[in-house]
Amino acid sequence: MKKKDLPIHIPIFPLSNFIIFPRTAVPLNIFEPRYIDMINDSMKSNKFIGMIQPKNLKNENNLPELHQVGCLGKIKSFKETDDGRYLIELKGFIRFRKIRELKTEKKYRILEINYDDFIQDLNDEKGELKFNDLELIFKDLKSLFEKKGFIINWKALEKQSLDETINALAMASPFSLEEKQVLLEAKSLDLRKDKIAEILSTYTFDIYENTTIQ
């Protein structure tokens, strides 16, 4: 897909502590009426919606302020349940920067966005990082996941491409909203790997040194 084919006005799903990356797919359970409307409208047009994290601050309309960077996703599968929910799979395409929020009659929010900072997301080039470069990160991340009660199929992850693995771990990690936003905004895979290591270093003391010095 080329930049000229991407929408500049998109409906957005502001989901806290949740990020997606280009070329990764996530399942979503849609049940709020306004987002049911959003999916209906999206399915009738280009099937694109934007995922973006809200902040804890409210704007003048008493809606959560939004972070500046999110990710455009396309609905790849759709199923309606007997109780009226939608089960969709959303695939990430390219990150975007928020320009402004549009005023509309819709119940959901719509943004004008720009892709210029993240055009590289449309390339299929794979990172040159090696899994052995990430051995310590994976070890520390696995410890953190287990400590937080998260279950990850590590063998299945190792069969994926490196960028898919790093992005999947960033998406699923028990990091804070702000930490996940840092990972989303990291422009390259190499930088994202470094940011994961940096964030993990703040958890290391709690994981391995869970004692108090007297």
Protein backbone atom coordinates (compact mmCIF):
# COMPACT_ATOMS: atom_id res chain seq x y z
CA MET A 1 0.00 0.00 0.00
CA LYS A 2 1.24 3.50 -0.89
CA LYS A 3 0.91 6.66 1.18
CA LYS A 4 -1.49 8.22 -1.37
CA ASP A 5 -3.94 5.37 -0.72
CA LEU A 6 -4.11 6.03 3.03
CA PRO A 7 -6.92 8.07 4.60
CA ILE A 8 -6.12 11.38 6.31
CA HIS A 9 -9.36 11.41 8.33
CA ILE A 10 -9.86 8.29 10.44
CA PRO A 11 -12.18 7.06 13.19
CA ILE A 12 -10.21 6.24 16.29
CA PHE A 13 -10.49 3.68 19.06
CA PRO A 14 -8.79 5.26 22.13
CA LEU A 15 -7.88 2.18 24.15
CA SER A 16 -5.76 2.69 27.26
CA ASN A 17 -2.58 0.63 27.75
CA PHE A 18 -3.00 -0.96 24.32
CA ILE A 19 -0.86 -0.46 21.21
CA ILE A 20 -0.52 -2.10 17.83
CA PHE A 21 2.38 -1.97 15.40
CA PRO A 22 2.56 -2.22 11.62
CA ARG A 23 2.40 -5.81 10.31
CA THR A 24 1.02 -7.16 13.56
CA ALA A 25 -2.55 -8.36 14.03
CA VAL A 26 -4.69 -8.26 17.17
CA PRO A 27 -8.18 -9.53 18.05
CA LEU A 28 -10.64 -6.98 19.44
CA ASN A 29 -13.97 -7.46 21.19
CA ILE A 30 -16.26 -4.52 20.31
CA PHE A 31 -19.34 -4.04 22.49
CA GLU A 32 -19.86 -0.31 23.20
CA PRO A 33 -22.64 1.12 20.95
CA ARG A 34 -20.48 4.03 19.69
CA TYR A 35 -17.74 1.63 18.59
CA ILE A 36 -20.29 -0.76 17.08
CA ASP A 37 -21.33 2.26 14.96
CA MET A 38 -17.68 2.97 14.16
CA ILE A 39 -17.07 -0.59 12.93
CA ASN A 40 -20.27 -0.53 10.89
CA ASP A 41 -19.20 2.70 9.18
CA SER A 42 -15.66 1.44 8.65
CA MET A 43 -16.86 -1.83 7.09
CA LYS A 44 -18.92 0.21 4.62
CA SER A 45 -15.91 2.27 3.54
CA ASN A 46 -12.20 1.42 3.67
CA LYS A 47 -12.12 -0.79 6.81
CA PHE A 48 -9.52 1.47 8.45
CA ILE A 49 -9.60 2.58 12.08
CA GLY A 50 -6.90 4.16 14.21
CA MET A 51 -5.69 2.85 17.56
CA ILE A 52 -4.38 5.55 19.90
CA GLN A 53 -3.84 5.73 23.64
CA PRO A 54 -5.79 8.26 25.74
CA LYS A 55 -4.12 10.33 28.43
CA ASN A 56 -5.44 10.78 31.96
CA LEU A 57 -6.22 14.44 31.22
CA LYS A 58 -9.58 15.63 29.90
CA ASN A 59 -10.11 18.20 27.12
CA GLU A 60 -12.68 21.02 27.00
CA ASN A 61 -15.35 18.52 25.88
CA ASN A 62 -14.62 16.33 28.93
CA LEU A 63 -13.10 13.65 26.69
CA PRO A 64 -9.69 12.12 27.39
CA GLU A 65 -6.80 13.91 25.72
CA LEU A 66 -5.03 11.70 23.18
CA HIS A 67 -1.37 10.96 22.66
CA GLN A 68 0.21 12.39 19.54
CA VAL A 69 1.13 9.05 17.92
CA GLY A 70 -1.08 6.06 17.14
CA CYS A 71 -1.27 3.29 14.53
CA LEU A 72 -3.63 2.87 11.59
CA GLY A 73 -5.19 -0.58 11.39
CA LYS A 74 -7.35 -2.37 8.85
CA ILE A 75 -10.13 -4.81 9.72
CA LYS A 76 -9.06 -8.19 8.32
CA SER A 77 -11.83 -10.36 9.77
CA PHE A 78 -15.25 -9.63 11.21
CA LYS A 79 -17.79 -11.72 13.11
CA GLU A 80 -20.99 -10.74 14.90
CA THR A 81 -21.89 -12.67 18.06
CA ASP A 82 -25.38 -13.73 19.14
CA ASP A 83 -25.41 -11.01 21.80
CA GLY A 84 -24.57 -8.21 19.35
CA ARG A 85 -20.83 -7.86 19.91
CA TYR A 86 -18.32 -7.67 17.08
CA LEU A 87 -15.19 -9.81 17.09
CA ILE A 88 -12.67 -8.34 14.69
CA GLU A 89 -9.03 -8.85 13.80
CA LEU A 90 -7.17 -5.62 13.18
CA LYS A 91 -3.88 -5.52 11.28
CA GLY A 92 -1.51 -2.59 11.81
CA PHE A 93 -0.34 -0.73 8.70
CA ILE A 94 1.45 2.49 9.57
CA ARG A 95 1.85 4.77 12.56
CA PHE A 96 0.48 8.29 12.37
CA ARG A 97 0.76 11.63 14.12
CA LYS A 98 -2.37 13.43 15.27
CA ILE A 99 -2.97 16.78 13.59
CA ARG A 100 -6.35 17.74 15.02
CA GLU A 101 -9.68 16.30 16.09
CA LEU A 102 -12.64 16.90 13.81
CA LYS A 103 -16.06 18.02 14.99
CA THR A 104 -18.71 15.66 13.65
CA GLU A 105 -22.15 14.31 14.52
CA LYS A 106 -20.70 10.85 15.06
CA LYS A 107 -20.68 9.29 18.53
CA TYR A 108 -17.07 8.22 18.05
CA ARG A 109 -14.04 10.46 17.57
CA ILE A 110 -12.39 11.28 14.23
CA LEU A 111 -8.89 12.62 13.72
CA GLU A 112 -7.05 14.34 10.92
CA ILE A 113 -3.65 12.66 10.80
CA ASN A 114 -0.26 12.73 9.09
CA TYR A 115 2.04 9.81 8.21
CA ASP A 116 5.21 11.70 7.27
CA ASP A 117 7.25 10.68 10.34
CA PHE A 118 6.55 6.98 9.81
CA ILE A 119 6.70 6.33 6.05
CA GLN A 120 9.30 3.62 6.72
CA ASP A 121 6.49 1.52 8.24
CA LEU A 122 5.27 0.81 4.70
CA ASN A 123 8.56 -0.86 3.77
CA ASP A 124 8.92 -4.63 4.04
CA GLU A 125 12.55 -4.49 5.10
CA LYS A 126 13.35 -6.68 8.08
CA GLY A 127 15.61 -5.66 10.91
CA GLU A 128 19.13 -7.03 10.96
CA LEU A 129 19.11 -7.68 14.69
CA LYS A 130 19.80 -11.27 15.69
CA PHE A 131 17.99 -13.27 18.33
CA ASN A 132 21.24 -13.78 20.24
CA ASP A 133 21.47 -9.98 20.52
CA LEU A 134 18.20 -10.11 22.40
CA GLU A 135 18.87 -13.09 24.67
CA LEU A 136 19.25 -11.00 27.81
CA ILE A 137 16.22 -8.86 26.97
CA PHE A 138 14.08 -11.94 26.40
CA LYS A 139 15.37 -13.45 29.66
CA ASP A 140 14.50 -10.34 31.67
CA LEU A 141 11.20 -9.88 29.85
CA LYS A 142 10.24 -13.50 30.45
CA SER A 143 10.96 -13.04 34.16
CA LEU A 144 8.80 -9.92 34.23
CA PHE A 145 5.95 -11.63 32.38
CA GLU A 146 6.03 -14.58 34.80
CA LYS A 147 6.19 -12.30 37.84
CA LYS A 148 3.13 -10.39 36.59
CA GLY A 149 1.27 -13.64 35.83
CA PHE A 150 1.42 -13.25 32.04
CA ILE A 151 1.69 -16.42 29.94
CA ILE A 152 3.56 -16.22 26.62
CA ASN A 153 4.22 -19.01 24.12
CA TRP A 154 7.93 -18.25 23.72
CA LYS A 155 8.57 -21.15 21.33
CA ALA A 156 5.92 -19.83 18.96
CA LEU A 157 7.41 -16.34 19.15
CA GLU A 158 10.83 -17.61 18.13
CA LYS A 159 9.35 -18.89 14.86
CA GLN A 160 8.25 -15.39 13.85
CA SER A 161 10.36 -12.74 12.18
CA LEU A 162 12.38 -10.58 14.54
CA ASP A 163 10.31 -7.44 14.02
CA GLU A 164 7.07 -9.38 14.62
CA THR A 165 8.53 -10.84 17.82
CA ILE A 166 9.76 -7.55 19.25
CA ASN A 167 6.50 -5.80 18.38
CA ALA A 168 4.37 -8.62 19.78
CA LEU A 169 6.30 -8.50 23.08
CA ALA A 170 6.01 -4.71 23.19
CA MET A 171 2.25 -4.96 22.65
CA ALA A 172 1.70 -7.71 25.23
CA SER A 173 4.15 -6.46 27.84
CA PRO A 174 2.96 -5.52 31.34
CA PHE A 175 4.45 -2.05 30.92
CA SER A 176 2.70 1.18 31.83
CA LEU A 177 0.70 3.29 29.37
CA GLU A 178 3.55 5.79 29.14
CA GLU A 179 6.15 3.06 28.59
CA LYS A 180 4.11 1.47 25.81
CA GLN A 181 3.73 4.86 24.18
CA VAL A 182 7.52 5.27 24.19
CA LEU A 183 7.82 1.92 22.37
CA LEU A 184 5.18 2.91 19.82
CA GLU A 185 6.97 6.18 19.06
CA ALA A 186 10.42 4.55 18.67
CA LYS A 187 10.99 4.97 14.94
CA SER A 188 13.15 1.91 14.23
CA LEU A 189 13.21 -1.70 15.36
CA ASP A 190 16.72 -1.25 16.73
CA LEU A 191 15.61 1.75 18.79
CA ARG A 192 12.55 -0.15 20.02
CA LYS A 193 14.79 -2.99 21.18
CA ASP A 194 16.95 -0.49 23.08
CA LYS A 195 13.88 1.12 24.65
CA ILE A 196 12.59 -2.28 25.83
CA ALA A 197 15.97 -2.92 27.46
CA GLU A 198 15.92 0.55 29.01
CA ILE A 199 12.42 0.06 30.44
CA LEU A 200 13.28 -3.41 31.69
CA SER A 201 16.27 -2.02 33.59
CA THR A 202 13.83 -0.09 35.77
CA TYR A 203 12.08 -3.35 36.67
CA THR A 204 15.24 -5.40 37.19
CA PHE A 205 15.79 -4.38 40.80
CA ASP A 206 12.28 -5.45 41.72
CA ILE A 207 12.61 -8.77 39.85
CA TYR A 208 16.00 -9.92 41.03
CA GLU A 209 16.72 -7.87 44.17
CA ASN A 210 13.44 -8.06 45.98
CA THR A 211 15.02 -7.38 49.35
CA THR A 212 15.62 -4.26 51.41
CA ILE A 213 19.12 -3.22 52.36
CA GLN A 214 19.27 -2.63 56.10
